[in-house]
Amino acid sequence: MILEIRKYGDPVLRTKGREVTPDEPQLKQLAADMLETMESANGVGLAAQQIGEAIQLTVIDIEDVEDRPSAMFIGDEEVDLQKYMPLILLNPKLQLSEEKESGTEGCLSFPEMNAEINRASGVRCKAQLLDGSTLEFDAAGLLARALQHEVDHLHGVLFIDRMSSAARAGLAGKLKRLQKEAKR
């Protein structure tokens, strides 16, 4: 089922999600609905807060993005992304590399807005999967950026919080309009 994506101004977007366990009822269905919602909106990631649930659940699928490369490593070996996409991650924890890079980001909760965001160029992620197992991997490229963006959401941090003040000022009118719409 396609769910409503919450827009900027909705307080749930600023709420830190509670940790979840794989045996929680409805979690598998919620993850499936989140994937369907993300795909229908042409997104590459979606956090539970974006559909109104303040829990530590995110879905990511960068498999079909050809113009922004990604890499995933388990141990020291690069793995085939197709075997791991889509990712459904519970309670993800990230370790960020020291090296930073700037890249364009958008967000389904901020329609038709994007900005250059400075983020770590690589991350190590440790998360639970729906089957209860743990996955630990390193990511680079778009996958690393998407992980940081979605894990921020799980902690109530939005991509506008990572923008330069100039970029945020340039979007001020659109942000105010979104906030007004969310209050209706």
N, C-alpha and C. Protein backbone atom coordinates (compact mmCIF):
# COMPACT_ATOMS: atom_id res chain seq x y z
N MET A 1 0.84 -1.18 0.00
CA MET A 1 0.00 0.00 0.00
C MET A 1 0.89 1.24 0.00
N ILE A 2 0.53 2.21 -0.81
CA ILE A 2 1.27 3.46 -0.86
C ILE A 2 0.78 4.35 0.29
N LEU A 3 1.73 4.80 1.08
CA LEU A 3 1.43 5.60 2.27
C LEU A 3 1.66 7.08 1.98
N GLU A 4 1.06 7.93 2.80
CA GLU A 4 1.27 9.37 2.67
C GLU A 4 2.67 9.72 3.18
N ILE A 5 3.41 10.48 2.40
CA ILE A 5 4.73 10.94 2.83
C ILE A 5 4.55 12.27 3.56
N ARG A 6 5.01 12.31 4.79
CA ARG A 6 4.90 13.52 5.60
C ARG A 6 5.85 14.58 5.08
N LYS A 7 5.37 15.80 5.08
CA LYS A 7 6.14 16.93 4.55
C LYS A 7 6.71 17.77 5.69
N TYR A 8 7.72 18.54 5.36
CA TYR A 8 8.36 19.44 6.32
C TYR A 8 7.30 20.26 7.05
N GLY A 9 7.45 20.34 8.35
CA GLY A 9 6.48 21.03 9.19
C GLY A 9 5.71 20.03 10.05
N ASP A 10 5.64 18.77 9.61
CA ASP A 10 5.00 17.74 10.41
C ASP A 10 5.94 17.39 11.57
N PRO A 11 5.48 17.48 12.82
CA PRO A 11 6.37 17.26 13.97
C PRO A 11 7.01 15.87 14.02
N VAL A 12 6.39 14.86 13.41
CA VAL A 12 6.98 13.52 13.46
C VAL A 12 8.36 13.49 12.78
N LEU A 13 8.59 14.39 11.84
CA LEU A 13 9.89 14.42 11.15
C LEU A 13 11.02 14.83 12.09
N ARG A 14 10.69 15.47 13.19
CA ARG A 14 11.69 15.91 14.17
C ARG A 14 11.77 14.97 15.38
N THR A 15 11.12 13.82 15.28
CA THR A 15 11.05 12.88 16.40
C THR A 15 12.07 11.77 16.24
N LYS A 16 12.86 11.55 17.30
CA LYS A 16 13.81 10.44 17.29
C LYS A 16 13.02 9.13 17.42
N GLY A 17 13.31 8.20 16.54
CA GLY A 17 12.58 6.94 16.54
C GLY A 17 13.02 6.00 17.64
N ARG A 18 12.08 5.22 18.15
CA ARG A 18 12.43 4.20 19.14
C ARG A 18 12.99 2.98 18.41
N GLU A 19 13.83 2.24 19.10
CA GLU A 19 14.38 1.02 18.50
C GLU A 19 13.27 -0.01 18.36
N VAL A 20 13.41 -0.87 17.37
CA VAL A 20 12.42 -1.90 17.09
C VAL A 20 13.07 -3.28 17.15
N THR A 21 12.25 -4.30 17.25
CA THR A 21 12.73 -5.68 17.17
C THR A 21 12.05 -6.33 15.97
N PRO A 22 12.74 -7.26 15.32
CA PRO A 22 12.20 -7.86 14.10
C PRO A 22 10.88 -8.60 14.30
N ASP A 23 10.58 -9.01 15.53
CA ASP A 23 9.35 -9.77 15.77
C ASP A 23 8.13 -8.89 16.04
N GLU A 24 8.28 -7.57 15.94
CA GLU A 24 7.13 -6.69 16.18
C GLU A 24 6.07 -6.91 15.10
N PRO A 25 4.80 -7.03 15.53
CA PRO A 25 3.73 -7.21 14.54
C PRO A 25 3.69 -6.03 13.56
N GLN A 26 3.35 -6.30 12.38
CA GLN A 26 3.17 -5.30 11.32
C GLN A 26 4.47 -4.72 10.76
N LEU A 27 5.63 -5.06 11.34
CA LEU A 27 6.89 -4.45 10.87
C LEU A 27 7.20 -4.86 9.42
N LYS A 28 7.02 -6.12 9.10
CA LYS A 28 7.29 -6.59 7.73
C LYS A 28 6.35 -5.91 6.73
N GLN A 29 5.07 -5.78 7.11
CA GLN A 29 4.12 -5.12 6.22
C GLN A 29 4.45 -3.64 6.07
N LEU A 30 4.83 -3.00 7.17
CA LEU A 30 5.20 -1.59 7.12
C LEU A 30 6.41 -1.39 6.20
N ALA A 31 7.41 -2.26 6.32
CA ALA A 31 8.59 -2.17 5.45
C ALA A 31 8.21 -2.34 3.98
N ALA A 32 7.33 -3.31 3.70
CA ALA A 32 6.88 -3.52 2.32
C ALA A 32 6.13 -2.29 1.80
N ASP A 33 5.27 -1.71 2.64
CA ASP A 33 4.54 -0.50 2.24
C ASP A 33 5.50 0.67 2.03
N MET A 34 6.52 0.76 2.88
CA MET A 34 7.51 1.84 2.72
C MET A 34 8.26 1.70 1.40
N LEU A 35 8.63 0.48 1.03
CA LEU A 35 9.31 0.26 -0.26
C LEU A 35 8.41 0.67 -1.41
N GLU A 36 7.16 0.27 -1.36
CA GLU A 36 6.21 0.62 -2.42
C GLU A 36 6.03 2.14 -2.50
N THR A 37 5.94 2.77 -1.34
CA THR A 37 5.78 4.23 -1.28
C THR A 37 7.00 4.93 -1.87
N MET A 38 8.20 4.48 -1.47
CA MET A 38 9.44 5.07 -1.95
C MET A 38 9.56 4.92 -3.47
N GLU A 39 9.27 3.72 -3.97
CA GLU A 39 9.36 3.49 -5.41
C GLU A 39 8.37 4.34 -6.19
N SER A 40 7.15 4.47 -5.66
CA SER A 40 6.14 5.25 -6.38
C SER A 40 6.50 6.73 -6.42
N ALA A 41 7.30 7.18 -5.43
CA ALA A 41 7.72 8.58 -5.38
C ALA A 41 9.09 8.80 -6.03
N ASN A 42 9.65 7.73 -6.65
CA ASN A 42 10.96 7.79 -7.30
C ASN A 42 12.07 8.19 -6.34
N GLY A 43 11.99 7.70 -5.11
CA GLY A 43 13.03 7.96 -4.12
C GLY A 43 14.04 6.83 -4.06
N VAL A 44 15.14 7.09 -3.36
CA VAL A 44 16.15 6.04 -3.14
C VAL A 44 16.20 5.63 -1.67
N GLY A 45 15.49 6.35 -0.82
CA GLY A 45 15.45 6.00 0.60
C GLY A 45 14.21 6.59 1.24
N LEU A 46 13.77 5.94 2.32
CA LEU A 46 12.62 6.42 3.06
C LEU A 46 12.76 5.95 4.50
N ALA A 47 12.60 6.87 5.42
CA ALA A 47 12.65 6.56 6.84
C ALA A 47 11.23 6.51 7.39
N ALA A 48 11.05 5.72 8.45
CA ALA A 48 9.71 5.54 9.02
C ALA A 48 9.07 6.87 9.43
N GLN A 49 9.86 7.82 9.90
CA GLN A 49 9.30 9.12 10.28
C GLN A 49 8.57 9.76 9.10
N GLN A 50 9.06 9.52 7.89
CA GLN A 50 8.47 10.14 6.72
C GLN A 50 7.08 9.62 6.39
N ILE A 51 6.70 8.50 7.00
CA ILE A 51 5.34 8.00 6.81
C ILE A 51 4.59 8.01 8.15
N GLY A 52 5.12 8.80 9.10
CA GLY A 52 4.40 9.05 10.34
C GLY A 52 4.69 8.10 11.49
N GLU A 53 5.71 7.24 11.37
CA GLU A 53 6.05 6.28 12.42
C GLU A 53 7.41 6.64 13.01
N ALA A 54 7.45 6.96 14.29
CA ALA A 54 8.71 7.35 14.94
C ALA A 54 9.43 6.11 15.48
N ILE A 55 9.94 5.31 14.52
CA ILE A 55 10.69 4.10 14.85
C ILE A 55 11.97 4.05 14.02
N GLN A 56 12.90 3.18 14.42
CA GLN A 56 14.19 3.05 13.75
C GLN A 56 14.10 2.03 12.61
N LEU A 57 13.45 2.41 11.53
CA LEU A 57 13.27 1.57 10.34
C LEU A 57 13.47 2.44 9.11
N THR A 58 14.34 1.98 8.22
CA THR A 58 14.52 2.70 6.96
C THR A 58 14.67 1.70 5.82
N VAL A 59 14.29 2.14 4.63
CA VAL A 59 14.46 1.35 3.42
C VAL A 59 15.28 2.17 2.43
N ILE A 60 16.17 1.48 1.72
CA ILE A 60 17.04 2.14 0.74
C ILE A 60 17.16 1.22 -0.48
N ASP A 61 17.08 1.82 -1.66
CA ASP A 61 17.31 1.05 -2.89
C ASP A 61 17.96 1.98 -3.91
N ILE A 62 19.26 1.80 -4.10
CA ILE A 62 20.01 2.63 -5.05
C ILE A 62 20.39 1.83 -6.31
N GLU A 63 19.85 0.64 -6.44
CA GLU A 63 20.24 -0.27 -7.51
C GLU A 63 20.09 0.32 -8.91
N ASP A 64 19.03 1.07 -9.16
CA ASP A 64 18.76 1.56 -10.51
C ASP A 64 19.34 2.94 -10.79
N VAL A 65 20.12 3.50 -9.85
CA VAL A 65 20.71 4.82 -10.05
C VAL A 65 22.05 4.62 -10.76
N GLU A 66 22.09 5.02 -12.03
CA GLU A 66 23.29 4.76 -12.83
C GLU A 66 24.24 5.94 -12.87
N ASP A 67 23.73 7.15 -12.64
CA ASP A 67 24.58 8.33 -12.78
C ASP A 67 25.32 8.69 -11.49
N ARG A 68 25.08 7.97 -10.39
CA ARG A 68 25.77 8.23 -9.13
C ARG A 68 26.21 6.89 -8.55
N PRO A 69 27.45 6.50 -8.80
CA PRO A 69 27.90 5.16 -8.42
C PRO A 69 27.89 4.93 -6.90
N SER A 70 27.80 3.67 -6.54
CA SER A 70 27.83 3.23 -5.15
C SER A 70 28.69 1.98 -5.05
N ALA A 71 29.17 1.73 -3.85
CA ALA A 71 29.89 0.49 -3.59
C ALA A 71 29.53 0.02 -2.19
N MET A 72 29.53 -1.30 -2.02
CA MET A 72 29.22 -1.92 -0.73
C MET A 72 30.25 -3.01 -0.48
N PHE A 73 30.78 -3.03 0.73
CA PHE A 73 31.82 -3.99 1.09
C PHE A 73 31.42 -4.72 2.36
N ILE A 74 31.60 -6.03 2.34
CA ILE A 74 31.42 -6.83 3.55
C ILE A 74 32.78 -7.44 3.83
N GLY A 75 33.32 -7.12 5.01
CA GLY A 75 34.72 -7.47 5.25
C GLY A 75 35.56 -6.62 4.31
N ASP A 76 36.48 -7.24 3.63
CA ASP A 76 37.33 -6.51 2.68
C ASP A 76 36.88 -6.70 1.24
N GLU A 77 35.76 -7.38 1.04
CA GLU A 77 35.33 -7.71 -0.31
C GLU A 77 34.15 -6.86 -0.77
N GLU A 78 34.29 -6.31 -1.98
CA GLU A 78 33.16 -5.60 -2.58
C GLU A 78 32.11 -6.63 -2.97
N VAL A 79 30.85 -6.32 -2.66
CA VAL A 79 29.77 -7.25 -2.97
C VAL A 79 28.89 -6.67 -4.07
N ASP A 80 28.13 -7.55 -4.69
CA ASP A 80 27.20 -7.16 -5.75
C ASP A 80 25.99 -6.47 -5.10
N LEU A 81 25.82 -5.19 -5.40
CA LEU A 81 24.72 -4.42 -4.81
C LEU A 81 23.36 -5.06 -5.06
N GLN A 82 23.18 -5.66 -6.24
CA GLN A 82 21.89 -6.25 -6.59
C GLN A 82 21.46 -7.31 -5.59
N LYS A 83 22.43 -7.98 -4.97
CA LYS A 83 22.09 -9.04 -4.01
C LYS A 83 21.58 -8.48 -2.68
N TYR A 84 21.80 -7.19 -2.45
CA TYR A 84 21.44 -6.59 -1.16
C TYR A 84 20.32 -5.55 -1.27
N MET A 85 19.97 -5.17 -2.48
CA MET A 85 18.93 -4.15 -2.65
C MET A 85 17.58 -4.83 -2.83
N PRO A 86 16.52 -4.27 -2.31
CA PRO A 86 16.53 -3.12 -1.41
C PRO A 86 17.01 -3.51 -0.01
N LEU A 87 17.60 -2.53 0.68
CA LEU A 87 18.00 -2.71 2.07
C LEU A 87 16.83 -2.31 2.96
N ILE A 88 16.52 -3.15 3.92
CA ILE A 88 15.54 -2.82 4.95
C ILE A 88 16.29 -2.94 6.26
N LEU A 89 16.53 -1.80 6.89
CA LEU A 89 17.43 -1.75 8.05
C LEU A 89 16.67 -1.35 9.31
N LEU A 90 16.91 -2.11 10.38
CA LEU A 90 16.34 -1.81 11.69
C LEU A 90 17.46 -1.32 12.59
N ASN A 91 17.22 -0.24 13.29
CA ASN A 91 18.16 0.29 14.29
C ASN A 91 19.58 0.48 13.74
N PRO A 92 19.73 1.08 12.56
CA PRO A 92 21.08 1.21 11.99
C PRO A 92 21.95 2.17 12.79
N LYS A 93 23.22 1.80 12.90
CA LYS A 93 24.23 2.64 13.54
C LYS A 93 25.33 2.87 12.51
N LEU A 94 25.80 4.11 12.42
CA LEU A 94 26.81 4.46 11.43
C LEU A 94 28.10 4.93 12.09
N GLN A 95 29.22 4.57 11.48
CA GLN A 95 30.52 5.18 11.78
C GLN A 95 30.91 5.89 10.50
N LEU A 96 31.22 7.18 10.62
CA LEU A 96 31.50 8.00 9.44
C LEU A 96 33.00 8.11 9.20
N SER A 97 33.38 8.10 7.94
CA SER A 97 34.79 8.31 7.59
C SER A 97 35.16 9.77 7.86
N GLU A 98 36.44 10.03 8.01
CA GLU A 98 36.92 11.40 8.21
C GLU A 98 36.77 12.23 6.95
N GLU A 99 36.97 11.58 5.80
CA GLU A 99 36.94 12.28 4.52
C GLU A 99 35.52 12.71 4.18
N LYS A 100 35.38 13.94 3.71
CA LYS A 100 34.07 14.52 3.38
C LYS A 100 33.99 14.78 1.88
N GLU A 101 32.75 14.83 1.39
CA GLU A 101 32.52 15.22 0.00
C GLU A 101 31.15 15.88 -0.10
N SER A 102 31.05 16.78 -1.04
CA SER A 102 29.80 17.50 -1.26
C SER A 102 29.02 16.80 -2.36
N GLY A 103 27.71 16.77 -2.21
CA GLY A 103 26.87 16.16 -3.24
C GLY A 103 25.46 16.70 -3.15
N THR A 104 24.74 16.61 -4.25
CA THR A 104 23.37 17.10 -4.31
C THR A 104 22.44 16.09 -3.64
N GLU A 105 21.58 16.62 -2.79
CA GLU A 105 20.57 15.79 -2.12
C GLU A 105 19.21 16.44 -2.26
N GLY A 106 18.22 15.58 -2.32
CA GLY A 106 16.83 15.99 -2.21
C GLY A 106 16.20 15.14 -1.14
N CYS A 107 14.92 15.35 -0.89
CA CYS A 107 14.23 14.59 0.15
C CYS A 107 12.75 14.54 -0.20
N LEU A 108 12.16 13.35 -0.06
CA LEU A 108 10.74 13.21 -0.38
C LEU A 108 9.85 14.05 0.52
N SER A 109 10.33 14.44 1.69
CA SER A 109 9.56 15.29 2.60
C SER A 109 9.71 16.78 2.27
N PHE A 110 10.55 17.07 1.28
CA PHE A 110 10.78 18.46 0.82
C PHE A 110 10.65 18.46 -0.71
N PRO A 111 9.43 18.36 -1.23
CA PRO A 111 9.25 18.23 -2.68
C PRO A 111 9.92 19.36 -3.45
N GLU A 112 10.54 18.97 -4.55
CA GLU A 112 11.15 19.90 -5.50
C GLU A 112 12.22 20.80 -4.89
N MET A 113 12.90 20.31 -3.86
CA MET A 113 14.01 21.04 -3.26
C MET A 113 15.24 20.15 -3.26
N ASN A 114 16.37 20.77 -3.54
CA ASN A 114 17.63 20.05 -3.36
C ASN A 114 18.72 21.07 -3.07
N ALA A 115 19.82 20.53 -2.53
CA ALA A 115 20.94 21.41 -2.17
C ALA A 115 22.20 20.56 -2.09
N GLU A 116 23.32 21.25 -2.16
CA GLU A 116 24.61 20.60 -1.95
C GLU A 116 24.79 20.39 -0.45
N ILE A 117 25.07 19.15 -0.07
CA ILE A 117 25.25 18.78 1.34
C ILE A 117 26.62 18.12 1.49
N ASN A 118 27.36 18.55 2.49
CA ASN A 118 28.66 17.97 2.78
C ASN A 118 28.46 16.80 3.74
N ARG A 119 28.93 15.62 3.35
CA ARG A 119 28.78 14.41 4.17
C ARG A 119 30.06 13.59 4.10
N ALA A 120 30.16 12.62 5.00
CA ALA A 120 31.29 11.68 4.97
C ALA A 120 31.24 10.92 3.65
N SER A 121 32.41 10.67 3.07
CA SER A 121 32.45 9.97 1.78
C SER A 121 32.23 8.47 1.93
N GLY A 122 32.41 7.97 3.14
CA GLY A 122 32.19 6.55 3.39
C GLY A 122 31.62 6.32 4.77
N VAL A 123 30.91 5.22 4.93
CA VAL A 123 30.34 4.87 6.24
C VAL A 123 30.48 3.38 6.48
N ARG A 124 30.51 3.03 7.75
CA ARG A 124 30.32 1.64 8.17
C ARG A 124 28.96 1.59 8.84
N CYS A 125 28.14 0.65 8.42
CA CYS A 125 26.79 0.50 8.94
C CYS A 125 26.65 -0.86 9.62
N LYS A 126 26.01 -0.83 10.77
CA LYS A 126 25.63 -2.07 11.45
C LYS A 126 24.16 -1.96 11.76
N ALA A 127 23.37 -2.93 11.29
CA ALA A 127 21.93 -2.88 11.46
C ALA A 127 21.36 -4.28 11.55
N GLN A 128 20.16 -4.36 12.09
CA GLN A 128 19.43 -5.61 12.09
C GLN A 128 18.61 -5.68 10.82
N LEU A 129 18.34 -6.90 10.39
CA LEU A 129 17.46 -7.13 9.26
C LEU A 129 16.14 -7.70 9.77
N LEU A 130 15.15 -7.76 8.91
CA LEU A 130 13.83 -8.24 9.31
C LEU A 130 13.84 -9.69 9.81
N ASP A 131 14.81 -10.48 9.35
CA ASP A 131 14.88 -11.88 9.80
C ASP A 131 15.60 -12.02 11.14
N GLY A 132 16.01 -10.90 11.72
CA GLY A 132 16.67 -10.93 13.03
C GLY A 132 18.19 -10.98 12.96
N SER A 133 18.73 -11.23 11.79
CA SER A 133 20.19 -11.28 11.65
C SER A 133 20.76 -9.86 11.66
N THR A 134 22.07 -9.77 11.82
CA THR A 134 22.76 -8.48 11.81
C THR A 134 23.59 -8.39 10.54
N LEU A 135 23.56 -7.23 9.91
CA LEU A 135 24.38 -6.97 8.73
C LEU A 135 25.32 -5.83 9.05
N GLU A 136 26.61 -6.06 8.80
CA GLU A 136 27.61 -5.01 8.98
C GLU A 136 28.33 -4.85 7.65
N PHE A 137 28.39 -3.61 7.15
CA PHE A 137 28.99 -3.38 5.84
C PHE A 137 29.53 -1.96 5.76
N ASP A 138 30.41 -1.75 4.79
CA ASP A 138 30.93 -0.43 4.48
C ASP A 138 30.29 0.01 3.17
N ALA A 139 30.07 1.32 3.06
CA ALA A 139 29.43 1.86 1.86
C ALA A 139 30.16 3.11 1.40
N ALA A 140 30.15 3.31 0.08
CA ALA A 140 30.73 4.50 -0.53
C ALA A 140 29.77 4.99 -1.60
N GLY A 141 30.00 6.22 -2.04
CA GLY A 141 29.18 6.79 -3.10
C GLY A 141 27.77 7.11 -2.63
N LEU A 142 26.82 6.98 -3.55
CA LEU A 142 25.43 7.32 -3.24
C LEU A 142 24.89 6.50 -2.07
N LEU A 143 25.29 5.24 -1.95
CA LEU A 143 24.80 4.42 -0.84
C LEU A 143 25.22 5.02 0.50
N ALA A 144 26.45 5.48 0.61
CA ALA A 144 26.92 6.11 1.85
C ALA A 144 26.12 7.37 2.15
N ARG A 145 25.86 8.16 1.13
CA ARG A 145 25.09 9.40 1.30
C ARG A 145 23.64 9.08 1.71
N ALA A 146 23.03 8.12 1.05
CA ALA A 146 21.65 7.74 1.37
C ALA A 146 21.54 7.21 2.80
N LEU A 147 22.51 6.42 3.22
CA LEU A 147 22.50 5.91 4.59
C LEU A 147 22.55 7.05 5.60
N GLN A 148 23.44 8.00 5.37
CA GLN A 148 23.55 9.14 6.30
C GLN A 148 22.26 9.95 6.33
N HIS A 149 21.68 10.17 5.16
CA HIS A 149 20.43 10.95 5.06
C HIS A 149 19.31 10.25 5.82
N GLU A 150 19.14 8.94 5.59
CA GLU A 150 18.04 8.21 6.22
C GLU A 150 18.26 8.01 7.71
N VAL A 151 19.49 7.73 8.14
CA VAL A 151 19.75 7.57 9.57
C VAL A 151 19.55 8.91 10.28
N ASP A 152 19.89 10.02 9.63
CA ASP A 152 19.56 11.34 10.19
C ASP A 152 18.05 11.42 10.47
N HIS A 153 17.23 11.04 9.49
CA HIS A 153 15.77 11.06 9.67
C HIS A 153 15.36 10.28 10.92
N LEU A 154 15.98 9.13 11.14
CA LEU A 154 15.61 8.27 12.27
C LEU A 154 15.89 8.95 13.61
N HIS A 155 16.72 9.99 13.57
CA HIS A 155 17.07 10.73 14.78
C HIS A 155 16.46 12.14 14.79
N GLY A 156 15.54 12.40 13.86
CA GLY A 156 14.87 13.70 13.82
C GLY A 156 15.69 14.82 13.19
N VAL A 157 16.75 14.45 12.47
CA VAL A 157 17.61 15.43 11.81
C VAL A 157 17.23 15.46 10.33
N LEU A 158 17.03 16.65 9.79
CA LEU A 158 16.62 16.81 8.39
C LEU A 158 17.75 17.34 7.54
N PHE A 159 17.67 17.10 6.24
CA PHE A 159 18.78 17.51 5.38
C PHE A 159 18.97 19.01 5.35
N ILE A 160 17.92 19.78 5.67
CA ILE A 160 18.10 21.24 5.74
C ILE A 160 19.01 21.62 6.90
N ASP A 161 19.09 20.75 7.92
CA ASP A 161 19.98 21.01 9.05
C ASP A 161 21.44 20.88 8.64
N ARG A 162 21.70 20.20 7.54
CA ARG A 162 23.07 19.97 7.05
C ARG A 162 23.47 20.95 5.95
N MET A 163 22.54 21.78 5.51
CA MET A 163 22.81 22.75 4.44
C MET A 163 23.64 23.91 4.95
N SER A 164 24.30 24.57 4.02
CA SER A 164 24.94 25.84 4.36
C SER A 164 23.84 26.85 4.65
N SER A 165 24.17 27.88 5.41
CA SER A 165 23.16 28.90 5.72
C SER A 165 22.70 29.60 4.45
N ALA A 166 23.60 29.76 3.47
CA ALA A 166 23.22 30.40 2.21
C ALA A 166 22.21 29.54 1.45
N ALA A 167 22.44 28.24 1.40
CA ALA A 167 21.51 27.35 0.70
C ALA A 167 20.15 27.35 1.38
N ARG A 168 20.17 27.33 2.70
CA ARG A 168 18.91 27.33 3.45
C ARG A 168 18.16 28.66 3.25
N ALA A 169 18.90 29.76 3.24
CA ALA A 169 18.27 31.06 3.01
C ALA A 169 17.62 31.11 1.64
N GLY A 170 18.26 30.49 0.65
CA GLY A 170 17.71 30.46 -0.70
C GLY A 170 16.42 29.67 -0.80
N LEU A 171 16.20 28.77 0.14
CA LEU A 171 14.98 27.95 0.15
C LEU A 171 13.95 28.44 1.16
N ALA A 172 14.21 29.54 1.82
CA ALA A 172 13.37 30.02 2.92
C ALA A 172 11.90 30.14 2.53
N GLY A 173 11.61 30.69 1.37
CA GLY A 173 10.22 30.86 0.94
C GLY A 173 9.52 29.52 0.78
N LYS A 174 10.18 28.57 0.13
CA LYS A 174 9.59 27.24 -0.06
C LYS A 174 9.40 26.54 1.27
N LEU A 175 10.36 26.70 2.19
CA LEU A 175 10.26 26.06 3.51
C LEU A 175 9.07 26.61 4.29
N LYS A 176 8.89 27.92 4.26
CA LYS A 176 7.74 28.53 4.96
C LYS A 176 6.42 28.03 4.38
N ARG A 177 6.37 27.92 3.07
CA ARG A 177 5.14 27.44 2.41
C ARG A 177 4.84 26.01 2.84
N LEU A 178 5.86 25.15 2.88
CA LEU A 178 5.66 23.78 3.31
C LEU A 178 5.17 23.71 4.76
N GLN A 179 5.76 24.53 5.62
CA GLN A 179 5.35 24.54 7.03
C GLN A 179 3.89 24.95 7.17
N LYS A 180 3.46 25.95 6.40
CA LYS A 180 2.06 26.39 6.45
C LYS A 180 1.13 25.28 5.99
N GLU A 181 1.51 24.59 4.91
CA GLU A 181 0.69 23.49 4.39
C GLU A 181 0.57 22.37 5.41
N ALA A 182 1.66 22.09 6.14
CA ALA A 182 1.66 21.00 7.13
C ALA A 182 0.73 21.32 8.30
N LYS A 183 0.54 22.58 8.60
CA LYS A 183 -0.31 22.97 9.74
C LYS A 183 -1.80 22.87 9.41
N ARG A 184 -2.11 22.78 8.11
CA ARG A 184 -3.52 22.68 7.71
C ARG A 184 -4.09 21.32 7.98
